[in-house]
PDB file of all heavy atoms in Angstrom:
ATOM      1  N   LEU A   1     -34.093  -9.246  62.155  1.00  0.00           N
ATOM      2  CA  LEU A   1     -34.717  -8.247  61.312  1.00  0.00           C
ATOM      3  C   LEU A   1     -34.137  -8.338  59.863  1.00  0.00           C
ATOM      4  O   LEU A   1     -33.051  -8.824  59.595  1.00  0.00           O
ATOM      5  CB  LEU A   1     -34.265  -6.841  61.840  1.00  0.00           C
ATOM      6  CG  LEU A   1     -34.546  -6.548  63.290  1.00  0.00           C
ATOM      7  CD1 LEU A   1     -34.200  -5.135  63.573  1.00  0.00           C
ATOM      8  CD2 LEU A   1     -35.980  -6.895  63.648  1.00  0.00           C
ATOM      9  N   SER A   2     -35.010  -7.999  58.919  1.00  0.00           N
ATOM     10  CA  SER A   2     -34.688  -8.141  57.514  1.00  0.00           C
ATOM     11  C   SER A   2     -34.799  -6.770  56.818  1.00  0.00           C
ATOM     12  O   SER A   2     -35.729  -5.944  57.215  1.00  0.00           O
ATOM     13  CB  SER A   2     -35.628  -9.096  56.824  1.00  0.00           C
ATOM     14  OG  SER A   2     -35.512 -10.407  57.355  1.00  0.00           O
ATOM     15  N   CYS A   3     -34.030  -6.593  55.825  1.00  0.00           N
ATOM     16  CA  CYS A   3     -34.059  -5.351  55.023  1.00  0.00           C
ATOM     17  C   CYS A   3     -33.949  -5.700  53.543  1.00  0.00           C
ATOM     18  O   CYS A   3     -33.088  -6.413  53.160  1.00  0.00           O
ATOM     19  CB  CYS A   3     -32.937  -4.425  55.430  1.00  0.00           C
ATOM     20  SG  CYS A   3     -32.761  -2.929  54.419  1.00  0.00           S
ATOM     21  N   SER A   4     -34.875  -5.244  52.780  1.00  0.00           N
ATOM     22  CA  SER A   4     -34.808  -5.555  51.323  1.00  0.00           C
ATOM     23  C   SER A   4     -35.327  -4.266  50.599  1.00  0.00           C
ATOM     24  O   SER A   4     -35.855  -3.336  51.198  1.00  0.00           O
ATOM     25  CB  SER A   4     -35.653  -6.683  50.998  1.00  0.00           C
ATOM     26  OG  SER A   4     -37.038  -6.544  51.310  1.00  0.00           O
ATOM     27  N   ALA A   5     -35.227  -4.279  49.296  1.00  0.00           N
ATOM     28  CA  ALA A   5     -35.685  -3.128  48.485  1.00  0.00           C
ATOM     29  C   ALA A   5     -36.082  -3.619  47.104  1.00  0.00           C
ATOM     30  O   ALA A   5     -35.262  -4.066  46.358  1.00  0.00           O
ATOM     31  CB  ALA A   5     -34.533  -2.053  48.342  1.00  0.00           C
ATOM     32  N   ALA A   6     -37.299  -3.594  46.828  1.00  0.00           N
ATOM     33  CA  ALA A   6     -37.952  -4.190  45.646  1.00  0.00           C
ATOM     34  C   ALA A   6     -37.289  -3.434  44.400  1.00  0.00           C
ATOM     35  O   ALA A   6     -37.215  -2.266  44.386  1.00  0.00           O
ATOM     36  CB  ALA A   6     -39.425  -3.983  45.618  1.00  0.00           C
ATOM     37  N   GLY A   7     -36.856  -4.336  43.436  1.00  0.00           N
ATOM     38  CA  GLY A   7     -36.301  -3.750  42.275  1.00  0.00           C
ATOM     39  C   GLY A   7     -34.907  -3.262  42.321  1.00  0.00           C
ATOM     40  O   GLY A   7     -34.338  -2.775  41.344  1.00  0.00           O
ATOM     41  N   HIS A   8     -34.206  -3.445  43.484  1.00  0.00           N
ATOM     42  CA  HIS A   8     -32.875  -3.065  43.644  1.00  0.00           C
ATOM     43  C   HIS A   8     -32.031  -4.231  44.191  1.00  0.00           C
ATOM     44  O   HIS A   8     -32.548  -4.983  45.026  1.00  0.00           O
ATOM     45  CB  HIS A   8     -32.796  -1.824  44.544  1.00  0.00           C
ATOM     46  CG  HIS A   8     -33.362  -0.608  43.921  1.00  0.00           C
ATOM     47  ND1 HIS A   8     -32.573   0.267  43.183  1.00  0.00           N
ATOM     48  CD2 HIS A   8     -34.614  -0.130  44.006  1.00  0.00           C
ATOM     49  CE1 HIS A   8     -33.438   1.273  42.816  1.00  0.00           C
ATOM     50  NE2 HIS A   8     -34.654   1.015  43.276  1.00  0.00           N
ATOM     51  N   THR A   9     -30.834  -4.241  43.756  1.00  0.00           N
ATOM     52  CA  THR A   9     -29.844  -5.293  44.263  1.00  0.00           C
ATOM     53  C   THR A   9     -29.099  -4.701  45.351  1.00  0.00           C
ATOM     54  O   THR A   9     -28.179  -3.796  45.169  1.00  0.00           O
ATOM     55  CB  THR A   9     -28.969  -5.769  43.076  1.00  0.00           C
ATOM     56  OG1 THR A   9     -29.748  -6.252  41.978  1.00  0.00           O
ATOM     57  CG2 THR A   9     -27.901  -6.804  43.570  1.00  0.00           C
ATOM     58  N   LEU A  10     -29.267  -5.226  46.607  1.00  0.00           N
ATOM     59  CA  LEU A  10     -28.592  -4.596  47.694  1.00  0.00           C
ATOM     60  C   LEU A  10     -27.108  -4.858  47.731  1.00  0.00           C
ATOM     61  O   LEU A  10     -26.341  -4.184  48.438  1.00  0.00           O
ATOM     62  CB  LEU A  10     -29.229  -5.197  49.067  1.00  0.00           C
ATOM     63  CG  LEU A  10     -30.689  -4.781  49.310  1.00  0.00           C
ATOM     64  CD1 LEU A  10     -31.044  -5.258  50.654  1.00  0.00           C
ATOM     65  CD2 LEU A  10     -30.878  -3.285  49.177  1.00  0.00           C
ATOM     66  N   GLU A  11     -26.690  -5.845  46.961  1.00  0.00           N
ATOM     67  CA  GLU A  11     -25.262  -6.186  47.027  1.00  0.00           C
ATOM     68  C   GLU A  11     -24.381  -5.042  46.584  1.00  0.00           C
ATOM     69  O   GLU A  11     -23.230  -4.894  47.035  1.00  0.00           O
ATOM     70  CB  GLU A  11     -25.020  -7.368  45.983  1.00  0.00           C
ATOM     71  CG  GLU A  11     -23.585  -7.848  45.992  1.00  0.00           C
ATOM     72  CD  GLU A  11     -23.427  -9.022  45.074  1.00  0.00           C
ATOM     73  OE1 GLU A  11     -24.358  -9.295  44.215  1.00  0.00           O
ATOM     74  OE2 GLU A  11     -22.347  -9.693  45.104  1.00  0.00           O
ATOM     75  N   SER A  12     -24.932  -4.096  45.785  1.00  0.00           N
ATOM     76  CA  SER A  12     -24.129  -2.985  45.338  1.00  0.00           C
ATOM     77  C   SER A  12     -24.246  -1.721  46.187  1.00  0.00           C
ATOM     78  O   SER A  12     -23.621  -0.735  45.922  1.00  0.00           O
ATOM     79  CB  SER A  12     -24.538  -2.611  43.864  1.00  0.00           C
ATOM     80  OG  SER A  12     -25.916  -2.232  43.825  1.00  0.00           O
ATOM     81  N   TYR A  13     -24.898  -1.898  47.351  1.00  0.00           N
ATOM     82  CA  TYR A  13     -25.079  -0.790  48.269  1.00  0.00           C
ATOM     83  C   TYR A  13     -24.450  -1.186  49.628  1.00  0.00           C
ATOM     84  O   TYR A  13     -24.408  -2.270  50.053  1.00  0.00           O
ATOM     85  CB  TYR A  13     -26.539  -0.530  48.572  1.00  0.00           C
ATOM     86  CG  TYR A  13     -27.350   0.005  47.386  1.00  0.00           C
ATOM     87  CD1 TYR A  13     -27.939  -0.824  46.478  1.00  0.00           C
ATOM     88  CD2 TYR A  13     -27.470   1.412  47.211  1.00  0.00           C
ATOM     89  CE1 TYR A  13     -28.672  -0.309  45.385  1.00  0.00           C
ATOM     90  CE2 TYR A  13     -28.209   1.916  46.123  1.00  0.00           C
ATOM     91  CZ  TYR A  13     -28.791   1.049  45.240  1.00  0.00           C
ATOM     92  OH  TYR A  13     -29.547   1.483  44.214  1.00  0.00           O
ATOM     93  N   THR A  14     -24.014  -0.101  50.340  1.00  0.00           N
ATOM     94  CA  THR A  14     -23.643  -0.253  51.710  1.00  0.00           C
ATOM     95  C   THR A  14     -24.958  -0.143  52.492  1.00  0.00           C
ATOM     96  O   THR A  14     -25.676   0.771  52.279  1.00  0.00           O
ATOM     97  CB  THR A  14     -22.562   0.781  52.109  1.00  0.00           C
ATOM     98  OG1 THR A  14     -21.357   0.499  51.580  1.00  0.00           O
ATOM     99  CG2 THR A  14     -22.485   0.887  53.675  1.00  0.00           C
ATOM    100  N   ILE A  15     -25.099  -1.064  53.449  1.00  0.00           N
ATOM    101  CA  ILE A  15     -26.357  -1.052  54.178  1.00  0.00           C
ATOM    102  C   ILE A  15     -26.053  -1.002  55.663  1.00  0.00           C
ATOM    103  O   ILE A  15     -25.085  -1.628  56.111  1.00  0.00           O
ATOM    104  CB  ILE A  15     -27.077  -2.434  53.951  1.00  0.00           C
ATOM    105  CG1 ILE A  15     -27.424  -2.704  52.465  1.00  0.00           C
ATOM    106  CG2 ILE A  15     -28.380  -2.477  54.768  1.00  0.00           C
ATOM    107  CD1 ILE A  15     -28.361  -1.672  51.800  1.00  0.00           C
ATOM    108  N   ALA A  16     -26.848  -0.177  56.319  1.00  0.00           N
ATOM    109  CA  ALA A  16     -26.599  -0.097  57.746  1.00  0.00           C
ATOM    110  C   ALA A  16     -27.943  -0.100  58.488  1.00  0.00           C
ATOM    111  O   ALA A  16     -29.034   0.119  57.936  1.00  0.00           O
ATOM    112  CB  ALA A  16     -25.892   1.271  58.060  1.00  0.00           C
ATOM    113  N   TRP A  17     -27.828  -0.409  59.739  1.00  0.00           N
ATOM    114  CA  TRP A  17     -29.017  -0.380  60.669  1.00  0.00           C
ATOM    115  C   TRP A  17     -28.740   0.732  61.738  1.00  0.00           C
ATOM    116  O   TRP A  17     -27.600   0.782  62.305  1.00  0.00           O
ATOM    117  CB  TRP A  17     -29.186  -1.747  61.341  1.00  0.00           C
ATOM    118  CG  TRP A  17     -29.709  -2.775  60.484  1.00  0.00           C
ATOM    119  CD1 TRP A  17     -29.012  -3.668  59.764  1.00  0.00           C
ATOM    120  CD2 TRP A  17     -31.076  -3.060  60.301  1.00  0.00           C
ATOM    121  NE1 TRP A  17     -29.817  -4.483  59.088  1.00  0.00           N
ATOM    122  CE2 TRP A  17     -31.106  -4.225  59.371  1.00  0.00           C
ATOM    123  CE3 TRP A  17     -32.269  -2.559  60.682  1.00  0.00           C
ATOM    124  CZ2 TRP A  17     -32.297  -4.761  58.930  1.00  0.00           C
ATOM    125  CZ3 TRP A  17     -33.506  -3.151  60.262  1.00  0.00           C
ATOM    126  CH2 TRP A  17     -33.514  -4.224  59.347  1.00  0.00           C
ATOM    127  N   PHE A  18     -29.739   1.535  61.948  1.00  0.00           N
ATOM    128  CA  PHE A  18     -29.749   2.547  63.022  1.00  0.00           C
ATOM    129  C   PHE A  18     -30.986   2.234  63.869  1.00  0.00           C
ATOM    130  O   PHE A  18     -31.904   1.637  63.427  1.00  0.00           O
ATOM    131  CB  PHE A  18     -29.855   3.971  62.436  1.00  0.00           C
ATOM    132  CG  PHE A  18     -28.517   4.390  61.774  1.00  0.00           C
ATOM    133  CD1 PHE A  18     -28.095   3.991  60.590  1.00  0.00           C
ATOM    134  CD2 PHE A  18     -27.748   5.354  62.404  1.00  0.00           C
ATOM    135  CE1 PHE A  18     -26.924   4.388  59.994  1.00  0.00           C
ATOM    136  CE2 PHE A  18     -26.582   5.822  61.821  1.00  0.00           C
ATOM    137  CZ  PHE A  18     -26.159   5.313  60.591  1.00  0.00           C
ATOM    138  N   ARG A  19     -31.002   2.804  65.078  1.00  0.00           N
ATOM    139  CA  ARG A  19     -32.157   2.610  65.920  1.00  0.00           C
ATOM    140  C   ARG A  19     -32.445   3.938  66.658  1.00  0.00           C
ATOM    141  O   ARG A  19     -31.473   4.735  66.884  1.00  0.00           O
ATOM    142  CB  ARG A  19     -32.027   1.470  66.890  1.00  0.00           C
ATOM    143  CG  ARG A  19     -30.901   1.653  67.983  1.00  0.00           C
ATOM    144  CD  ARG A  19     -30.749   0.477  68.822  1.00  0.00           C
ATOM    145  NE  ARG A  19     -29.760   0.612  69.846  1.00  0.00           N
ATOM    146  CZ  ARG A  19     -29.412  -0.311  70.703  1.00  0.00           C
ATOM    147  NH1 ARG A  19     -29.948  -1.522  70.658  1.00  0.00           N
ATOM    148  NH2 ARG A  19     -28.498  -0.044  71.657  1.00  0.00           N
ATOM    149  N   GLN A  20     -33.659   4.129  67.056  1.00  0.00           N
ATOM    150  CA  GLN A  20     -34.002   5.321  67.811  1.00  0.00           C
ATOM    151  C   GLN A  20     -34.996   4.879  68.880  1.00  0.00           C
ATOM    152  O   GLN A  20     -36.131   4.380  68.534  1.00  0.00           O
ATOM    153  CB  GLN A  20     -34.598   6.399  66.877  1.00  0.00           C
ATOM    154  CG  GLN A  20     -34.877   7.684  67.629  1.00  0.00           C
ATOM    155  CD  GLN A  20     -35.098   8.806  66.722  1.00  0.00           C
ATOM    156  OE1 GLN A  20     -35.465   8.652  65.538  1.00  0.00           O
ATOM    157  NE2 GLN A  20     -34.962  10.012  67.194  1.00  0.00           N
ATOM    158  N   ALA A  21     -34.601   5.067  70.080  1.00  0.00           N
ATOM    159  CA  ALA A  21     -35.427   4.786  71.252  1.00  0.00           C
ATOM    160  C   ALA A  21     -36.216   6.016  71.592  1.00  0.00           C
ATOM    161  O   ALA A  21     -35.841   7.137  71.270  1.00  0.00           O
ATOM    162  CB  ALA A  21     -34.546   4.376  72.387  1.00  0.00           C
ATOM    163  N   PRO A  22     -37.391   5.834  72.290  1.00  0.00           N
ATOM    164  CA  PRO A  22     -38.190   7.006  72.673  1.00  0.00           C
ATOM    165  C   PRO A  22     -37.437   7.996  73.468  1.00  0.00           C
ATOM    166  O   PRO A  22     -36.724   7.687  74.458  1.00  0.00           O
ATOM    167  CB  PRO A  22     -39.264   6.352  73.518  1.00  0.00           C
ATOM    168  CG  PRO A  22     -39.356   4.969  73.050  1.00  0.00           C
ATOM    169  CD  PRO A  22     -37.940   4.602  72.725  1.00  0.00           C
ATOM    170  N   GLY A  23     -37.496   9.235  72.972  1.00  0.00           N
ATOM    171  CA  GLY A  23     -36.778  10.351  73.745  1.00  0.00           C
ATOM    172  C   GLY A  23     -35.325  10.406  73.524  1.00  0.00           C
ATOM    173  O   GLY A  23     -34.628  11.258  74.177  1.00  0.00           O
ATOM    174  N   LYS A  24     -34.854   9.631  72.605  1.00  0.00           N
ATOM    175  CA  LYS A  24     -33.356   9.583  72.383  1.00  0.00           C
ATOM    176  C   LYS A  24     -33.077   9.833  70.919  1.00  0.00           C
ATOM    177  O   LYS A  24     -33.972   9.678  70.092  1.00  0.00           O
ATOM    178  CB  LYS A  24     -32.732   8.224  72.768  1.00  0.00           C
ATOM    179  CG  LYS A  24     -32.827   7.939  74.287  1.00  0.00           C
ATOM    180  CD  LYS A  24     -32.082   6.683  74.577  1.00  0.00           C
ATOM    181  CE  LYS A  24     -32.090   6.472  76.072  1.00  0.00           C
ATOM    182  NZ  LYS A  24     -31.406   5.158  76.428  1.00  0.00           N
ATOM    183  N   GLU A  25     -31.854  10.178  70.700  1.00  0.00           N
ATOM    184  CA  GLU A  25     -31.406  10.459  69.306  1.00  0.00           C
ATOM    185  C   GLU A  25     -31.180   9.110  68.543  1.00  0.00           C
ATOM    186  O   GLU A  25     -30.888   8.083  69.178  1.00  0.00           O
ATOM    187  CB  GLU A  25     -30.143  11.298  69.225  1.00  0.00           C
ATOM    188  CG  GLU A  25     -30.321  12.706  69.753  1.00  0.00           C
ATOM    189  CD  GLU A  25     -29.127  13.604  69.482  1.00  0.00           C
ATOM    190  OE1 GLU A  25     -28.058  13.038  69.087  1.00  0.00           O
ATOM    191  OE2 GLU A  25     -29.233  14.775  69.822  1.00  0.00           O
ATOM    192  N   ARG A  26     -31.225   9.172  67.240  1.00  0.00           N
ATOM    193  CA  ARG A  26     -30.942   8.006  66.463  1.00  0.00           C
ATOM    194  C   ARG A  26     -29.425   7.631  66.684  1.00  0.00           C
ATOM    195  O   ARG A  26     -28.604   8.465  66.713  1.00  0.00           O
ATOM    196  CB  ARG A  26     -31.200   8.333  64.938  1.00  0.00           C
ATOM    197  CG  ARG A  26     -30.951   7.186  63.994  1.00  0.00           C
ATOM    198  CD  ARG A  26     -31.226   7.638  62.622  1.00  0.00           C
ATOM    199  NE  ARG A  26     -30.197   8.616  62.157  1.00  0.00           N
ATOM    200  CZ  ARG A  26     -30.441   9.387  61.087  1.00  0.00           C
ATOM    201  NH1 ARG A  26     -31.439   9.245  60.351  1.00  0.00           N
ATOM    202  NH2 ARG A  26     -29.405  10.215  60.718  1.00  0.00           N
ATOM    203  N   GLU A  27     -29.259   6.361  66.762  1.00  0.00           N
ATOM    204  CA  GLU A  27     -27.902   5.836  66.882  1.00  0.00           C
ATOM    205  C   GLU A  27     -27.551   4.761  65.926  1.00  0.00           C
ATOM    206  O   GLU A  27     -28.441   3.854  65.608  1.00  0.00           O
ATOM    207  CB  GLU A  27     -27.652   5.436  68.318  1.00  0.00           C
ATOM    208  CG  GLU A  27     -28.464   4.201  68.800  1.00  0.00           C
ATOM    209  CD  GLU A  27     -28.019   3.706  70.161  1.00  0.00           C
ATOM    210  OE1 GLU A  27     -27.023   4.210  70.735  1.00  0.00           O
ATOM    211  OE2 GLU A  27     -28.703   2.849  70.716  1.00  0.00           O
ATOM    212  N   PHE A  28     -26.319   4.679  65.558  1.00  0.00           N
ATOM    213  CA  PHE A  28     -25.787   3.607  64.681  1.00  0.00           C
ATOM    214  C   PHE A  28     -25.811   2.265  65.395  1.00  0.00           C
ATOM    215  O   PHE A  28     -25.414   2.179  66.653  1.00  0.00           O
ATOM    216  CB  PHE A  28     -24.378   4.043  64.245  1.00  0.00           C
ATOM    217  CG  PHE A  28     -23.654   2.925  63.543  1.00  0.00           C
ATOM    218  CD1 PHE A  28     -23.917   2.585  62.263  1.00  0.00           C
ATOM    219  CD2 PHE A  28     -22.637   2.221  64.254  1.00  0.00           C
ATOM    220  CE1 PHE A  28     -23.203   1.559  61.605  1.00  0.00           C
ATOM    221  CE2 PHE A  28     -21.956   1.207  63.595  1.00  0.00           C
ATOM    222  CZ  PHE A  28     -22.253   0.839  62.315  1.00  0.00           C
ATOM    223  N   VAL A  29     -26.033   1.269  64.682  1.00  0.00           N
ATOM    224  CA  VAL A  29     -26.084  -0.086  65.245  1.00  0.00           C
ATOM    225  C   VAL A  29     -25.010  -0.934  64.544  1.00  0.00           C
ATOM    226  O   VAL A  29     -24.081  -1.488  65.197  1.00  0.00           O
ATOM    227  CB  VAL A  29     -27.447  -0.757  65.149  1.00  0.00           C
ATOM    228  CG1 VAL A  29     -27.393  -2.237  65.577  1.00  0.00           C
ATOM    229  CG2 VAL A  29     -28.479  -0.038  65.977  1.00  0.00           C
ATOM    230  N   ALA A  30     -25.158  -1.113  63.256  1.00  0.00           N
ATOM    231  CA  ALA A  30     -24.280  -1.999  62.484  1.00  0.00           C
ATOM    232  C   ALA A  30     -24.308  -1.609  61.038  1.00  0.00           C
ATOM    233  O   ALA A  30     -25.299  -1.073  60.479  1.00  0.00           O
ATOM    234  CB  ALA A  30     -24.645  -3.431  62.673  1.00  0.00           C
ATOM    235  N   SER A  31     -23.209  -1.889  60.335  1.00  0.00           N
ATOM    236  CA  SER A  31     -23.199  -1.647  58.826  1.00  0.00           C
ATOM    237  C   SER A  31     -22.449  -2.803  58.132  1.00  0.00           C
ATOM    238  O   SER A  31     -21.672  -3.517  58.703  1.00  0.00           O
ATOM    239  CB  SER A  31     -22.371  -0.383  58.551  1.00  0.00           C
ATOM    240  OG  SER A  31     -21.065  -0.487  59.016  1.00  0.00           O
ATOM    241  N   SER A  32     -22.860  -2.925  56.893  1.00  0.00           N
ATOM    242  CA  SER A  32     -22.189  -3.908  56.023  1.00  0.00           C
ATOM    243  C   SER A  32     -21.796  -3.114  54.750  1.00  0.00           C
ATOM    244  O   SER A  32     -22.680  -2.754  53.928  1.00  0.00           O
ATOM    245  CB  SER A  32     -23.213  -4.980  55.633  1.00  0.00           C
ATOM    246  OG  SER A  32     -22.683  -5.854  54.634  1.00  0.00           O
ATOM    247  N   VAL A  33     -20.494  -2.899  54.665  1.00  0.00           N
ATOM    248  CA  VAL A  33     -20.012  -2.144  53.505  1.00  0.00           C
ATOM    249  C   VAL A  33     -19.995  -3.031  52.244  1.00  0.00           C
ATOM    250  O   VAL A  33     -19.590  -4.158  52.333  1.00  0.00           O
ATOM    251  CB  VAL A  33     -18.587  -1.620  53.800  1.00  0.00           C
ATOM    252  CG1 VAL A  33     -17.985  -0.931  52.625  1.00  0.00           C
ATOM    253  CG2 VAL A  33     -18.621  -0.656  55.000  1.00  0.00           C
TER     254      VAL A  33
END
């Protein structure tokens, strides 16, 4: 999976991935501080 943001440098942000399965709450997956 890829994550980008037009016009913004992701290097200066903490980025994380979360996921949400059907009928379940959103859960943390991974982060890059």
